[in-house]
Amino acid sequence: MSLLKNVGTIGGLTAVSRVFGFVRDIMLARVLGAGGVADAWQLAFQLPNLFRRLFAEGAFASAFVPLFNRHMNEGEPAARRFASEVLAVLLPILVLFGAAMMIGMPWILWLFANPELRADPENYALAVLMGQIAFPYLLFMSLATLTAAVLNSLSRFAAAAAAPILLNICLLAALFWGAFQPAGEETRQATGLYLAIAVSVSGLLQLVWLVFWMRRAGFSIPFGRPRVTQRVKEMGVLIVPAVFGAGVYQISRFIDLAFIRGLPDGSLTYMAMADRWNQLPLGIIGIALGTAILPALSRHIASDESDQAQRLQSNAIELAMLLTVPAAVALFFTGSAFVRVFMQSGAFTPEDAMITGTVVSGLVIGLPAYVLVKVLTPNFFARKDTRTPVYTAAVSLLVTVAINLYLVPRLGVLALAIAGAIGAWVNTALLYVILVRRNFFRLTPRVIGRIGRIVLAALIMGAALWYAMPIGDPYFTGSTAERGLAIAALIVIGAVSYAICAAALGVLDKATIQRLMRRQS
């Protein structure tokens, strides 16, 4: 299957999930508002979710897929035996880790809670209870990730890409209940508990969904006695550094939690809501590209097909820039408009919306870099090199922390967004330089020229949106019809101006589409 089709399958289903996620966050903003119960919920949910993204989706998949593909080359029985050995060791680790986190939740949340939440015994106790109820989500999702990695290695991308929709459906069910109850603190607290229950239930449903489709694909993973075999040791050697290499974005979110601890009430909600807008293109494009190219890159490199690997990597970078640069520029100029149109209402005040919109603009500065990290790191993971991305991630995190220490006292929550963006660009630059020096990959002049034209077209679009924003400003908080028309006008202006510039500059033509559609594996 071609890169474009693979990314389209994964990205399209991820887009459906992200749409549900947007509806979820709109409901969260209107039902819970910012601060108080809202911050307690964000803190309780982010811990298992960050661990899931860091260890399960990031490190585990990056280490497991190349090894699983290698064993598949030896035959399906060898691959099944490898997956069984990994599962047998993974499950008890997850159970023990989850139990320890649930027992220690009162003290763990204390490390990240802001002063207002720590000073509110009722909401802090609620946050601890929600965290304990929601944490089994990590267990279910880690096992689901193992199943999804098997499906992706078999080039069955659709089931895994669709699974997160179940999370948002479960959360929306809890939020719709809260929306139809009398407004008040008691309703917000009850809604928070139902949300925590919905998180763990969704994890179990996603696991069942993926196991069903894995069996439909003709593959099963038998469960055996935990044994640290040579294959499991090899996996362990790869997965520890992969935690840092693949999970730099998630590690930066942990750093954000530490800095948010000293910021005013509501800051955690502002960052979480803003990150939703950043996660839309990052999830649809970055994660889709990284997921799609890793199995193919692993096969090309294992077969010593360096030209094929170079072509696949170049196509992935070009497609990433074609999609993310205009998205980043558009959100930079219009982020506040989107937040006001979709989130400002009920408990989410105009001030909350303006602060969140500003944070969106800071976050998306790093959007292309976050996506490029997802595209470049598979080149290392496919060679079973999970150490190099650790070093680059460590440098970028040091840069991020240094900038935070300087800017957070001056800019507050906005500083976290800017520092993370700069750190992501540092990580991208280091990864690319190392690939070039090792002669693993180098951008051709043709691709560099095309990226330059993409950036120019996006900047011209940005100028058009910058002029349009003041005209639409009175309508972004008007009636439902006025909001809808105003945001639709912005979308049309951005799409038309970018399309005209892209056509004039030769950014996307028939030959490019055919090249991206070409079979990659």
Protein backbone atom coordinates (compact mmCIF):
# COMPACT_ATOMS: atom_id res chain seq x y z
CA MET A 1 0.00 0.00 0.00
CA SER A 2 1.25 3.55 -0.73
CA LEU A 3 2.40 5.99 1.94
CA LEU A 4 -0.47 8.34 1.11
CA LYS A 5 -3.05 5.56 1.43
CA ASN A 6 -1.59 4.28 4.70
CA VAL A 7 -1.47 7.77 6.17
CA GLY A 8 -4.97 8.43 4.82
CA THR A 9 -6.33 5.31 6.53
CA ILE A 10 -4.69 6.06 9.88
CA GLY A 11 -5.13 9.82 9.69
CA GLY A 12 -8.73 9.64 8.52
CA LEU A 13 -9.83 7.45 11.42
CA THR A 14 -7.70 9.50 13.81
CA ALA A 15 -9.50 12.59 12.50
CA VAL A 16 -12.83 11.02 13.42
CA SER A 17 -11.49 10.38 16.92
CA ARG A 18 -10.17 13.95 17.14
CA VAL A 19 -13.56 15.35 16.12
CA PHE A 20 -15.12 13.39 18.96
CA GLY A 21 -12.31 14.71 21.15
CA PHE A 22 -13.16 18.28 20.19
CA VAL A 23 -16.80 17.76 21.09
CA ARG A 24 -15.62 16.21 24.35
CA ASP A 25 -13.44 19.23 25.22
CA ILE A 26 -16.17 21.68 24.25
CA MET A 27 -18.46 19.85 26.67
CA LEU A 28 -15.72 19.77 29.32
CA ALA A 29 -15.22 23.51 29.05
CA ARG A 30 -18.92 24.26 29.28
CA VAL A 31 -19.75 21.77 32.05
CA LEU A 32 -16.62 22.00 34.25
CA GLY A 33 -15.16 25.40 33.23
CA ALA A 34 -11.55 26.14 34.32
CA GLY A 35 -10.04 25.65 37.78
CA GLY A 36 -11.51 23.72 40.70
CA VAL A 37 -13.07 20.45 39.55
CA ALA A 38 -11.81 21.04 35.99
CA ASP A 39 -8.16 21.19 37.12
CA ALA A 40 -8.73 18.19 39.41
CA TRP A 41 -10.07 16.19 36.45
CA GLN A 42 -7.26 17.25 34.11
CA LEU A 43 -4.66 16.23 36.68
CA ALA A 44 -6.33 12.87 37.39
CA PHE A 45 -6.71 12.05 33.69
CA GLN A 46 -3.33 13.28 32.48
CA LEU A 47 -1.28 10.92 34.64
CA PRO A 48 -2.51 7.59 33.15
CA ASN A 49 -2.86 9.22 29.72
CA LEU A 50 0.70 10.57 29.73
CA PHE A 51 2.08 7.22 30.87
CA ARG A 52 0.03 5.56 28.12
CA ARG A 53 1.42 7.87 25.44
CA LEU A 54 4.95 7.71 26.81
CA PHE A 55 5.39 3.99 27.50
CA ALA A 56 2.69 2.26 25.48
CA GLU A 57 2.27 4.22 22.24
CA GLY A 58 5.76 5.74 22.16
CA ALA A 59 8.40 3.44 23.60
CA PHE A 60 6.67 0.07 23.36
CA ALA A 61 5.56 0.34 19.74
CA SER A 62 8.93 1.76 18.63
CA ALA A 63 10.84 -1.14 20.19
CA PHE A 64 8.34 -3.92 19.45
CA VAL A 65 7.54 -3.38 15.75
CA PRO A 66 11.09 -3.83 14.29
CA LEU A 67 11.67 -6.96 16.39
CA PHE A 68 8.25 -8.39 15.56
CA ASN A 69 8.86 -7.81 11.83
CA ARG A 70 12.20 -9.58 12.10
CA HIS A 71 10.55 -12.60 13.72
CA MET A 72 7.79 -12.54 11.10
CA ASN A 73 10.51 -12.99 8.49
CA GLU A 74 11.39 -16.21 10.30
CA GLY A 75 7.76 -17.34 10.16
CA GLU A 76 4.51 -16.65 11.98
CA PRO A 77 5.18 -19.22 14.78
CA ALA A 78 8.37 -17.33 15.72
CA ALA A 79 6.52 -14.01 15.77
CA ARG A 80 3.70 -15.50 17.88
CA ARG A 81 6.24 -16.94 20.34
CA PHE A 82 7.97 -13.55 20.64
CA ALA A 83 4.67 -11.71 21.23
CA SER A 84 3.65 -14.31 23.84
CA GLU A 85 6.91 -13.91 25.75
CA VAL A 86 6.56 -10.12 25.75
CA LEU A 87 2.93 -10.32 26.95
CA ALA A 88 3.82 -12.72 29.77
CA VAL A 89 6.40 -10.28 31.17
CA LEU A 90 4.47 -7.09 30.39
CA LEU A 91 1.25 -8.01 32.22
CA PRO A 92 2.65 -8.50 35.77
CA ILE A 93 4.76 -5.34 35.40
CA LEU A 94 1.66 -3.35 34.49
CA VAL A 95 -0.37 -4.80 37.38
CA LEU A 96 2.34 -4.03 39.95
CA PHE A 97 3.01 -0.53 38.55
CA GLY A 98 -0.70 0.29 38.44
CA ALA A 99 -1.25 -0.92 42.01
CA ALA A 100 1.69 1.15 43.28
CA MET A 101 0.44 4.27 41.48
CA MET A 102 -3.11 3.86 42.81
CA ILE A 103 -1.87 3.40 46.39
CA GLY A 104 0.49 6.35 46.09
CA MET A 105 -2.00 8.62 44.28
CA PRO A 106 -2.51 11.04 47.21
CA TRP A 107 1.21 11.80 47.32
CA ILE A 108 1.83 11.63 43.56
CA LEU A 109 -0.88 14.18 42.76
CA TRP A 110 0.51 16.45 45.47
CA LEU A 111 3.71 16.78 43.42
CA PHE A 112 1.79 18.23 40.45
CA ALA A 113 -1.24 20.00 41.99
CA ASN A 114 -1.24 23.81 42.01
CA PRO A 115 -1.54 25.71 45.34
CA GLU A 116 -5.27 26.38 44.91
CA LEU A 117 -6.06 22.69 44.38
CA ARG A 118 -3.88 21.58 47.30
CA ALA A 119 -5.61 24.14 49.53
CA ASP A 120 -9.06 22.78 48.59
CA PRO A 121 -9.46 19.50 50.56
CA GLU A 122 -12.72 18.54 48.87
CA ASN A 123 -11.53 18.95 45.28
CA TYR A 124 -8.11 17.48 46.06
CA ALA A 125 -9.74 14.36 47.54
CA LEU A 126 -11.90 14.21 44.41
CA ALA A 127 -8.79 14.42 42.21
CA VAL A 128 -7.18 11.53 44.11
CA LEU A 129 -10.31 9.38 43.79
CA MET A 130 -10.65 10.17 40.07
CA GLY A 131 -6.98 9.33 39.53
CA GLN A 132 -7.35 5.97 41.28
CA ILE A 133 -10.47 5.09 39.30
CA ALA A 134 -8.94 6.13 35.97
CA PHE A 135 -5.49 4.56 36.37
CA PRO A 136 -6.47 1.00 35.25
CA TYR A 137 -6.81 2.65 31.82
CA LEU A 138 -3.02 2.36 31.55
CA LEU A 139 -3.13 -1.42 32.02
CA PHE A 140 -5.83 -1.93 29.40
CA MET A 141 -4.25 0.47 26.91
CA SER A 142 -0.76 -1.01 27.24
CA LEU A 143 -2.16 -4.44 26.35
CA ALA A 144 -4.17 -2.80 23.56
CA THR A 145 -0.98 -1.22 22.24
CA LEU A 146 0.68 -4.64 22.02
CA THR A 147 -2.29 -5.85 19.98
CA ALA A 148 -2.28 -2.71 17.83
CA ALA A 149 1.45 -3.10 17.16
CA VAL A 150 0.81 -6.62 15.84
CA LEU A 151 -1.99 -5.34 13.59
CA ASN A 152 0.15 -2.46 12.27
CA SER A 153 3.02 -4.85 11.55
CA LEU A 154 0.56 -6.90 9.51
CA SER A 155 -0.38 -3.67 7.66
CA ARG A 156 -3.86 -3.73 9.27
CA PHE A 157 -3.93 -0.07 10.35
CA ALA A 158 -7.67 0.68 10.45
CA ALA A 159 -8.72 -1.11 13.65
CA ALA A 160 -5.98 0.48 15.78
CA ALA A 161 -6.63 3.94 14.35
CA ALA A 162 -10.35 3.64 15.10
CA ALA A 163 -9.96 2.40 18.69
CA PRO A 164 -9.56 5.85 20.38
CA ILE A 165 -13.05 6.77 19.18
CA LEU A 166 -14.33 4.50 21.96
CA LEU A 167 -12.58 6.65 24.59
CA ASN A 168 -14.30 9.81 23.40
CA ILE A 169 -17.70 8.11 23.15
CA CYS A 170 -17.44 6.95 26.77
CA LEU A 171 -16.33 10.38 28.00
CA LEU A 172 -19.07 12.11 26.03
CA ALA A 173 -21.66 9.86 27.66
CA ALA A 174 -20.53 11.08 31.10
CA LEU A 175 -20.46 14.72 29.96
CA PHE A 176 -23.90 14.61 28.39
CA TRP A 177 -25.22 13.33 31.71
CA GLY A 178 -23.61 16.31 33.46
CA ALA A 179 -24.90 18.77 30.87
CA PHE A 180 -28.52 17.88 31.62
CA GLN A 181 -28.17 18.11 35.41
CA PRO A 182 -28.74 21.32 37.43
CA ALA A 183 -25.65 23.54 37.27
CA GLY A 184 -23.57 23.60 40.43
CA GLU A 185 -20.54 22.24 42.24
CA GLU A 186 -22.24 18.96 43.15
CA THR A 187 -23.01 18.24 39.48
CA ARG A 188 -19.44 19.08 38.45
CA GLN A 189 -18.03 16.71 41.08
CA ALA A 190 -20.39 13.87 40.11
CA THR A 191 -19.53 14.42 36.43
CA GLY A 192 -15.82 14.17 37.30
CA LEU A 193 -16.35 10.76 38.92
CA TYR A 194 -18.35 9.49 35.96
CA LEU A 195 -15.57 10.71 33.64
CA ALA A 196 -12.98 8.70 35.59
CA ILE A 197 -15.13 5.57 35.37
CA ALA A 198 -15.62 6.18 31.63
CA VAL A 199 -11.84 6.33 31.09
CA SER A 200 -11.20 2.85 32.51
CA VAL A 201 -14.25 1.37 30.78
CA SER A 202 -13.03 2.78 27.45
CA GLY A 203 -9.63 1.16 27.93
CA LEU A 204 -11.23 -2.25 28.40
CA LEU A 205 -13.47 -1.73 25.35
CA GLN A 206 -10.49 -0.76 23.18
CA LEU A 207 -8.59 -3.86 24.26
CA VAL A 208 -11.53 -6.12 23.42
CA TRP A 209 -11.97 -4.35 20.04
CA LEU A 210 -8.34 -4.82 19.03
CA VAL A 211 -8.12 -8.43 20.18
CA PHE A 212 -11.20 -9.18 18.07
CA TRP A 213 -9.60 -7.70 14.94
CA MET A 214 -6.25 -9.36 15.61
CA ARG A 215 -8.01 -12.72 15.71
CA ARG A 216 -9.90 -11.80 12.53
CA ALA A 217 -6.48 -11.23 10.93
CA GLY A 218 -5.59 -14.81 11.81
CA PHE A 219 -3.14 -14.00 14.61
CA SER A 220 -3.39 -14.81 18.31
CA ILE A 221 -1.06 -14.32 21.28
CA PRO A 222 -1.01 -17.27 23.73
CA PHE A 223 -0.36 -16.38 27.36
CA GLY A 224 2.45 -18.25 29.07
CA ARG A 225 4.56 -18.19 32.22
CA PRO A 226 6.64 -15.00 32.64
CA ARG A 227 10.23 -15.71 31.58
CA VAL A 228 12.97 -13.23 30.78
CA THR A 229 14.15 -14.87 27.57
CA GLN A 230 16.86 -13.56 25.26
CA ARG A 231 14.17 -12.06 23.02
CA VAL A 232 12.56 -10.27 25.98
CA LYS A 233 15.97 -8.97 27.09
CA GLU A 234 16.55 -7.58 23.62
CA MET A 235 13.17 -5.85 23.80
CA GLY A 236 14.03 -4.44 27.23
CA VAL A 237 17.34 -3.06 26.01
CA LEU A 238 15.49 -1.21 23.25
CA ILE A 239 12.46 -0.01 25.19
CA VAL A 240 14.20 1.85 28.02
CA PRO A 241 15.93 4.44 25.81
CA ALA A 242 12.90 4.48 23.50
CA VAL A 243 10.88 5.94 26.39
CA PHE A 244 12.91 9.12 26.00
CA GLY A 245 13.52 8.99 22.27
CA ALA A 246 9.92 8.46 21.13
CA GLY A 247 8.27 10.20 24.06
CA VAL A 248 9.93 13.60 24.16
CA TYR A 249 6.59 15.35 23.60
CA GLN A 250 5.03 13.46 26.50
CA ILE A 251 8.05 14.02 28.76
CA SER A 252 7.73 17.73 28.04
CA ARG A 253 4.11 17.47 29.24
CA PHE A 254 5.40 16.07 32.58
CA ILE A 255 7.73 19.05 32.78
CA ASP A 256 4.75 21.30 32.09
CA LEU A 257 2.89 19.73 35.03
CA ALA A 258 5.81 20.52 37.32
CA PHE A 259 5.88 24.17 36.25
CA ILE A 260 2.07 24.52 36.26
CA ARG A 261 2.21 23.55 39.93
CA GLY A 262 3.30 27.11 40.71
CA LEU A 263 0.89 28.89 38.33
CA PRO A 264 -2.60 30.28 39.10
CA ASP A 265 -5.75 28.18 39.22
CA GLY A 266 -7.00 27.24 35.76
CA SER A 267 -3.56 27.05 34.11
CA LEU A 268 -3.72 23.26 33.80
CA THR A 269 -7.06 23.51 32.02
CA TYR A 270 -5.80 26.26 29.68
CA MET A 271 -2.82 24.11 28.68
CA ALA A 272 -4.94 20.98 28.22
CA MET A 273 -7.55 22.76 26.10
CA ALA A 274 -4.91 24.46 23.95
CA ASP A 275 -3.08 21.16 23.48
CA ARG A 276 -6.27 19.69 22.01
CA TRP A 277 -5.93 22.04 19.02
CA ASN A 278 -2.25 21.17 18.67
CA GLN A 279 -2.96 17.45 18.98
CA LEU A 280 -5.42 17.50 16.08
CA PRO A 281 -2.83 17.88 13.29
CA LEU A 282 -0.14 16.18 15.38
CA GLY A 283 -2.28 13.09 15.82
CA ILE A 284 -3.72 12.99 12.32
CA ILE A 285 -0.42 13.68 10.53
CA GLY A 286 2.52 13.00 12.85
CA ILE A 287 1.38 9.82 14.54
CA ALA A 288 -0.12 8.53 11.29
CA LEU A 289 3.14 9.08 9.39
CA GLY A 290 5.31 7.59 12.13
CA THR A 291 3.05 4.54 12.41
CA ALA A 292 2.85 4.05 8.65
CA ILE A 293 6.55 4.28 7.81
CA LEU A 294 8.10 2.27 10.68
CA PRO A 295 7.14 -1.22 9.40
CA ALA A 296 8.15 -0.36 5.81
CA LEU A 297 11.42 1.29 6.90
CA SER A 298 12.23 -1.77 9.01
CA ARG A 299 11.76 -4.05 6.01
CA HIS A 300 13.81 -1.85 3.65
CA ILE A 301 16.69 -1.51 6.10
CA ALA A 302 16.66 -5.22 7.01
CA SER A 303 16.85 -6.01 3.27
CA ASP A 304 19.64 -3.43 2.75
CA GLU A 305 17.43 -1.41 0.37
CA SER A 306 18.94 1.98 1.19
CA ASP A 307 17.49 3.74 -1.90
CA GLN A 308 13.98 2.59 -1.01
CA ALA A 309 14.45 3.73 2.60
CA GLN A 310 15.72 7.14 1.41
CA ARG A 311 12.72 7.55 -0.90
CA LEU A 312 10.23 6.58 1.81
CA GLN A 313 11.79 8.98 4.34
CA SER A 314 11.84 11.85 1.83
CA ASN A 315 8.22 11.30 0.87
CA ALA A 316 7.21 11.19 4.54
CA ILE A 317 8.96 14.49 5.32
CA GLU A 318 7.51 16.20 2.26
CA LEU A 319 4.00 15.01 3.10
CA ALA A 320 4.46 16.09 6.73
CA MET A 321 5.45 19.61 5.73
CA LEU A 322 2.74 19.85 3.09
CA LEU A 323 0.10 19.19 5.76
CA THR A 324 1.52 20.64 8.99
CA VAL A 325 3.08 23.96 7.95
CA PRO A 326 -0.21 25.49 6.72
CA ALA A 327 -2.03 24.03 9.74
CA ALA A 328 0.50 25.59 12.12
CA VAL A 329 0.41 29.00 10.42
CA ALA A 330 -3.40 29.01 10.32
CA LEU A 331 -3.74 28.09 14.01
CA PHE A 332 -1.08 30.64 15.00
CA PHE A 333 -3.19 33.48 13.59
CA THR A 334 -6.67 32.11 14.28
CA GLY A 335 -6.28 29.96 17.41
CA SER A 336 -8.05 32.49 19.65
CA ALA A 337 -10.97 32.67 17.20
CA PHE A 338 -11.46 28.90 17.21
CA VAL A 339 -11.32 28.72 21.01
CA ARG A 340 -13.85 31.54 21.40
CA VAL A 341 -16.22 30.09 18.81
CA PHE A 342 -16.20 26.50 20.05
CA MET A 343 -15.36 26.64 23.77
CA GLN A 344 -16.44 29.96 25.23
CA SER A 345 -19.79 29.42 26.94
CA GLY A 346 -21.24 28.33 30.24
CA ALA A 347 -18.51 27.93 32.86
CA PHE A 348 -15.74 28.79 30.35
CA THR A 349 -15.43 32.58 30.45
CA PRO A 350 -14.17 35.06 27.78
CA GLU A 351 -10.97 35.46 29.79
CA ASP A 352 -10.48 31.67 29.84
CA ALA A 353 -10.97 31.59 26.06
CA MET A 354 -8.49 34.40 25.37
CA ILE A 355 -5.76 32.84 27.53
CA THR A 356 -6.31 29.44 25.92
CA GLY A 357 -6.17 30.97 22.43
CA THR A 358 -2.85 32.63 23.23
CA VAL A 359 -1.43 29.29 24.42
CA VAL A 360 -2.60 27.66 21.16
CA SER A 361 -0.55 30.21 19.18
CA GLY A 362 2.52 29.40 21.28
CA LEU A 363 2.12 25.64 20.96
CA VAL A 364 1.73 25.50 17.18
CA ILE A 365 5.08 27.22 16.64
CA GLY A 366 6.52 23.78 17.28
CA LEU A 367 3.87 21.75 15.44
CA PRO A 368 5.97 20.98 12.31
CA ALA A 369 8.88 20.04 14.57
CA TYR A 370 6.77 17.67 16.69
CA VAL A 371 5.63 15.95 13.49
CA LEU A 372 9.17 15.78 12.06
CA VAL A 373 10.38 14.07 15.25
CA LYS A 374 7.69 11.42 14.67
CA VAL A 375 8.91 11.04 11.08
CA LEU A 376 12.67 11.00 11.74
CA THR A 377 12.88 8.74 14.81
CA PRO A 378 11.60 5.62 12.95
CA ASN A 379 14.83 5.76 10.90
CA PHE A 380 16.72 5.04 14.12
CA PHE A 381 14.20 2.58 15.55
CA ALA A 382 14.16 0.59 12.30
CA ARG A 383 17.92 0.07 12.81
CA LYS A 384 17.25 -0.99 16.43
CA ASP A 385 18.99 2.21 17.57
CA THR A 386 16.85 3.59 20.38
CA ARG A 387 19.73 5.33 22.12
CA THR A 388 20.45 8.19 19.72
CA PRO A 389 16.96 9.69 19.99
CA VAL A 390 17.46 9.63 23.78
CA TYR A 391 20.48 11.90 23.52
CA THR A 392 18.74 14.36 21.21
CA ALA A 393 15.62 14.32 23.40
CA ALA A 394 17.72 14.96 26.50
CA VAL A 395 19.32 18.02 24.91
CA SER A 396 15.96 19.36 23.77
CA LEU A 397 14.49 18.85 27.25
CA LEU A 398 17.39 20.72 28.84
CA VAL A 399 16.73 23.59 26.44
CA THR A 400 13.01 23.45 27.28
CA VAL A 401 13.64 23.55 31.05
CA ALA A 402 16.13 26.43 30.73
CA ILE A 403 13.66 28.50 28.70
CA ASN A 404 10.86 27.67 31.15
CA LEU A 405 12.95 28.79 34.11
CA TYR A 406 13.47 32.14 32.41
CA LEU A 407 10.06 32.72 30.80
CA VAL A 408 7.47 31.16 33.16
CA PRO A 409 7.81 33.92 35.81
CA ARG A 410 7.34 36.48 33.01
CA LEU A 411 4.76 34.89 30.69
CA GLY A 412 3.02 32.28 32.84
CA VAL A 413 1.38 29.35 31.05
CA LEU A 414 2.24 30.79 27.60
CA ALA A 415 5.93 30.23 28.39
CA LEU A 416 5.36 26.47 28.62
CA ALA A 417 4.02 26.41 25.07
CA ILE A 418 6.87 28.50 23.64
CA ALA A 419 9.58 26.56 25.47
CA GLY A 420 8.19 23.21 24.31
CA ALA A 421 8.07 24.44 20.72
CA ILE A 422 11.69 25.62 20.75
CA GLY A 423 12.79 22.35 22.36
CA ALA A 424 11.02 20.37 19.61
CA TRP A 425 12.88 22.30 16.90
CA VAL A 426 16.20 21.63 18.65
CA ASN A 427 15.36 17.91 18.75
CA THR A 428 14.43 17.89 15.05
CA ALA A 429 17.66 19.62 14.04
CA LEU A 430 19.81 17.21 16.05
CA LEU A 431 18.06 14.12 14.67
CA TYR A 432 18.51 15.29 11.09
CA VAL A 433 22.18 16.25 11.52
CA ILE A 434 22.97 12.83 13.00
CA LEU A 435 21.17 11.03 10.14
CA VAL A 436 23.20 13.03 7.63
CA ARG A 437 26.51 12.40 9.39
CA ARG A 438 25.85 8.66 9.52
CA ASN A 439 24.84 8.68 5.87
CA PHE A 440 21.41 7.26 6.74
CA PHE A 441 19.39 10.05 5.16
CA ARG A 442 19.81 13.43 3.48
CA LEU A 443 17.24 15.82 2.05
CA THR A 444 17.68 16.34 -1.68
CA PRO A 445 17.71 19.84 -3.21
CA ARG A 446 14.35 19.05 -4.85
CA VAL A 447 12.70 18.31 -1.51
CA ILE A 448 14.32 21.33 0.17
CA GLY A 449 13.06 23.58 -2.61
CA ARG A 450 9.55 22.16 -2.33
CA ILE A 451 9.54 22.70 1.46
CA GLY A 452 10.61 26.31 0.91
CA ARG A 453 7.67 26.86 -1.44
CA ILE A 454 5.30 25.24 1.08
CA VAL A 455 6.49 27.66 3.77
CA LEU A 456 6.11 30.66 1.45
CA ALA A 457 2.56 29.65 0.46
CA ALA A 458 1.64 29.17 4.12
CA LEU A 459 3.03 32.58 5.11
CA ILE A 460 1.01 34.32 2.41
CA MET A 461 -2.06 32.50 3.71
CA GLY A 462 -1.14 33.65 7.23
CA ALA A 463 -1.04 37.27 6.07
CA ALA A 464 -4.54 36.92 4.62
CA LEU A 465 -5.83 35.46 7.89
CA TRP A 466 -4.12 38.21 9.90
CA TYR A 467 -6.01 40.86 7.94
CA ALA A 468 -9.29 38.92 8.26
CA MET A 469 -9.18 38.37 12.03
CA PRO A 470 -10.15 41.93 13.12
CA ILE A 471 -13.09 41.91 10.70
CA GLY A 472 -14.51 38.73 12.21
CA ASP A 473 -13.69 39.61 15.83
CA PRO A 474 -17.17 40.93 16.78
CA TYR A 475 -18.81 37.75 15.47
CA PHE A 476 -16.60 35.14 17.20
CA THR A 477 -18.65 35.54 20.41
CA GLY A 478 -22.01 36.35 18.82
CA SER A 479 -24.98 34.11 18.19
CA THR A 480 -24.51 30.52 17.07
CA ALA A 481 -25.18 31.52 13.45
CA GLU A 482 -22.71 34.43 13.64
CA ARG A 483 -20.02 32.22 15.14
CA GLY A 484 -20.56 29.55 12.51
CA LEU A 485 -20.42 32.01 9.62
CA ALA A 486 -17.38 33.82 11.01
CA ILE A 487 -15.32 30.65 11.49
CA ALA A 488 -16.46 29.29 8.13
CA ALA A 489 -15.28 32.52 6.49
CA LEU A 490 -11.84 32.15 8.11
CA ILE A 491 -11.57 28.56 6.90
CA VAL A 492 -12.53 29.56 3.34
CA ILE A 493 -10.07 32.48 3.31
CA GLY A 494 -7.26 30.25 4.55
CA ALA A 495 -8.03 27.34 2.22
CA VAL A 496 -8.49 29.47 -0.90
CA SER A 497 -5.42 31.65 -0.32
CA TYR A 498 -3.23 28.61 0.39
CA ALA A 499 -4.60 26.71 -2.63
CA ILE A 500 -3.94 29.65 -4.96
CA CYS A 501 -0.42 30.17 -3.64
CA ALA A 502 0.35 26.44 -3.66
CA ALA A 503 -0.80 26.16 -7.27
CA ALA A 504 1.15 29.26 -8.34
CA LEU A 505 4.33 28.05 -6.62
CA GLY A 506 4.00 24.45 -7.84
CA VAL A 507 3.77 23.02 -4.34
CA LEU A 508 1.41 20.21 -5.28
CA ASP A 509 1.11 18.83 -8.80
CA LYS A 510 0.07 15.60 -10.48
CA ALA A 511 3.61 14.17 -10.40
CA THR A 512 3.89 14.75 -6.64
CA ILE A 513 0.57 13.04 -5.95
CA GLN A 514 1.57 10.05 -8.09
CA ARG A 515 4.90 9.79 -6.26
CA LEU A 516 3.22 9.83 -2.85
CA MET A 517 0.66 7.28 -4.03
CA ARG A 518 3.39 4.89 -5.20
CA ARG A 519 3.62 1.65 -3.23
CA GLN A 520 6.16 1.98 -0.40
CA SER A 521 6.67 -1.61 0.68
